[in-house]
């Protein structure tokens, strides 16, 4: 029996994996410095090379994590994309929650403190 979805989330399941294959493959390519440079020199050509769908390309252009996830992106691969722009997982978490990075970090510290008490 499948668990009910968590409101406001997009579970990364088989359907999302198929939907996001090209996007995630492109983001995985950013493990290579040469590929990061190629992307930055011509983002549109790079996206065409990987066959991104129009919603995936729009999500890349917007730099919005929730749009990338809705387009089939996996957080681990999206971190490769975010790294090109100097973003880390806390920047991504802040975007996902609609918080500033400082507020998101404070929330994480508070949660860590509460778990120790």
Protein backbone atom coordinates (compact mmCIF):
# COMPACT_ATOMS: atom_id res chain seq x y z
CA UNK A 1 0.00 0.00 0.00
CA UNK A 2 1.36 3.37 -1.03
CA UNK A 3 1.66 6.14 1.57
CA UNK A 4 -0.46 9.24 0.97
CA UNK A 5 1.46 12.17 -0.48
CA UNK A 6 2.78 14.89 1.81
CA UNK A 7 0.93 18.12 0.96
CA UNK A 8 3.08 20.54 -1.02
CA UNK A 9 5.66 17.95 -2.05
CA UNK A 10 6.50 16.20 -5.28
CA UNK A 11 7.74 12.70 -4.47
CA UNK A 12 10.54 11.51 -6.71
CA UNK A 13 9.08 8.25 -7.92
CA UNK A 14 9.32 6.23 -11.11
CA UNK A 15 7.02 8.60 -12.97
CA UNK A 16 9.08 11.64 -11.96
CA UNK A 17 12.30 9.79 -12.81
CA UNK A 18 11.07 9.13 -16.35
CA UNK A 19 9.74 12.67 -16.70
CA UNK A 20 13.03 14.20 -15.53
CA UNK A 21 15.49 11.87 -17.23
CA UNK A 22 16.90 14.47 -19.65
CA UNK A 23 17.02 17.19 -16.99
CA UNK A 24 18.77 14.96 -14.47
CA UNK A 25 21.17 13.62 -17.10
CA UNK A 26 22.10 17.19 -18.00
CA UNK A 27 22.58 18.15 -14.34
CA UNK A 28 24.73 15.06 -13.79
CA UNK A 29 26.95 16.23 -16.63
CA UNK A 30 27.93 19.21 -14.46
CA UNK A 31 30.30 16.92 -12.57
CA UNK A 32 32.70 17.88 -15.36
CA UNK A 33 34.21 21.37 -15.20
CA UNK A 34 34.29 21.48 -19.01
CA UNK A 35 30.55 20.83 -19.12
CA UNK A 36 29.87 23.58 -16.58
CA UNK A 37 31.82 26.00 -18.77
CA UNK A 38 29.97 24.82 -21.90
CA UNK A 39 26.62 25.35 -20.18
CA UNK A 40 27.56 28.83 -18.99
CA UNK A 41 28.78 29.84 -22.44
CA UNK A 42 25.51 28.86 -24.18
CA UNK A 43 22.74 27.60 -21.91
CA UNK A 44 20.18 27.28 -24.70
CA UNK A 45 22.43 25.13 -26.90
CA UNK A 46 23.41 22.99 -23.93
CA UNK A 47 19.75 22.39 -23.02
CA UNK A 48 18.95 21.47 -26.64
CA UNK A 49 21.86 19.01 -26.66
CA UNK A 50 20.19 17.13 -23.79
CA UNK A 51 16.70 17.38 -25.27
CA UNK A 52 15.05 19.19 -22.38
CA UNK A 53 11.31 19.69 -22.66
CA UNK A 54 9.96 23.26 -22.79
CA UNK A 55 8.90 23.12 -19.09
CA UNK A 56 12.34 21.79 -18.10
CA UNK A 57 14.13 24.51 -20.08
CA UNK A 58 11.86 27.17 -18.54
CA UNK A 59 12.65 25.80 -15.08
CA UNK A 60 16.40 25.96 -15.80
CA UNK A 61 16.04 29.55 -16.97
CA UNK A 62 14.05 30.52 -13.86
CA UNK A 63 16.55 28.94 -11.43
CA UNK A 64 13.57 28.04 -9.24
CA UNK A 65 14.02 24.75 -7.42
CA UNK A 66 10.31 23.97 -7.08
CA UNK A 67 9.85 24.38 -10.84
CA UNK A 68 12.84 22.11 -11.45
CA UNK A 69 11.41 19.47 -9.12
CA UNK A 70 8.00 19.72 -10.79
CA UNK A 71 9.78 19.20 -14.13
CA UNK A 72 11.19 15.89 -12.85
CA UNK A 73 14.39 17.11 -11.24
CA UNK A 74 15.99 15.10 -8.46
CA UNK A 75 17.46 17.18 -5.61
CA UNK A 76 20.82 15.39 -5.81
CA UNK A 77 21.25 16.21 -9.49
CA UNK A 78 19.82 19.70 -9.08
CA UNK A 79 22.54 20.39 -6.52
CA UNK A 80 25.06 20.00 -9.37
CA UNK A 81 23.19 22.69 -11.32
CA UNK A 82 22.88 24.96 -8.28
CA UNK A 83 26.61 24.62 -7.62
CA UNK A 84 27.37 26.39 -10.90
CA UNK A 85 25.88 29.53 -9.37
CA UNK A 86 27.44 29.09 -5.94
CA UNK A 87 24.25 27.78 -4.31
CA UNK A 88 24.33 25.01 -1.73
CA UNK A 89 21.67 22.68 -0.32
CA UNK A 90 20.66 25.30 2.25
CA UNK A 91 19.95 27.78 -0.56
CA UNK A 92 17.81 25.09 -2.18
CA UNK A 93 16.02 24.33 1.10
CA UNK A 94 15.34 28.03 1.65
CA UNK A 95 13.85 28.32 -1.84
CA UNK A 96 11.69 25.24 -1.30
CA UNK A 97 10.27 26.63 1.94
CA UNK A 98 9.91 30.22 0.74
CA UNK A 99 12.32 31.43 3.42
CA UNK A 100 15.48 33.48 3.29
CA UNK A 101 18.65 31.42 3.66
CA UNK A 102 19.31 33.00 7.08
CA UNK A 103 15.80 32.12 8.29
CA UNK A 104 16.14 28.59 6.93
CA UNK A 105 19.48 28.15 8.73
CA UNK A 106 17.93 29.45 11.97
CA UNK A 107 15.10 26.93 11.57
CA UNK A 108 17.63 24.11 11.12
CA UNK A 109 19.59 25.20 14.20
CA UNK A 110 16.40 25.39 16.27
CA UNK A 111 15.34 21.92 15.11
CA UNK A 112 18.76 20.53 15.99
CA UNK A 113 18.60 22.15 19.42
CA UNK A 114 15.07 20.80 20.05
CA UNK A 115 16.14 17.29 19.10
CA UNK A 116 18.93 17.39 21.71
CA UNK A 117 16.62 18.51 24.53
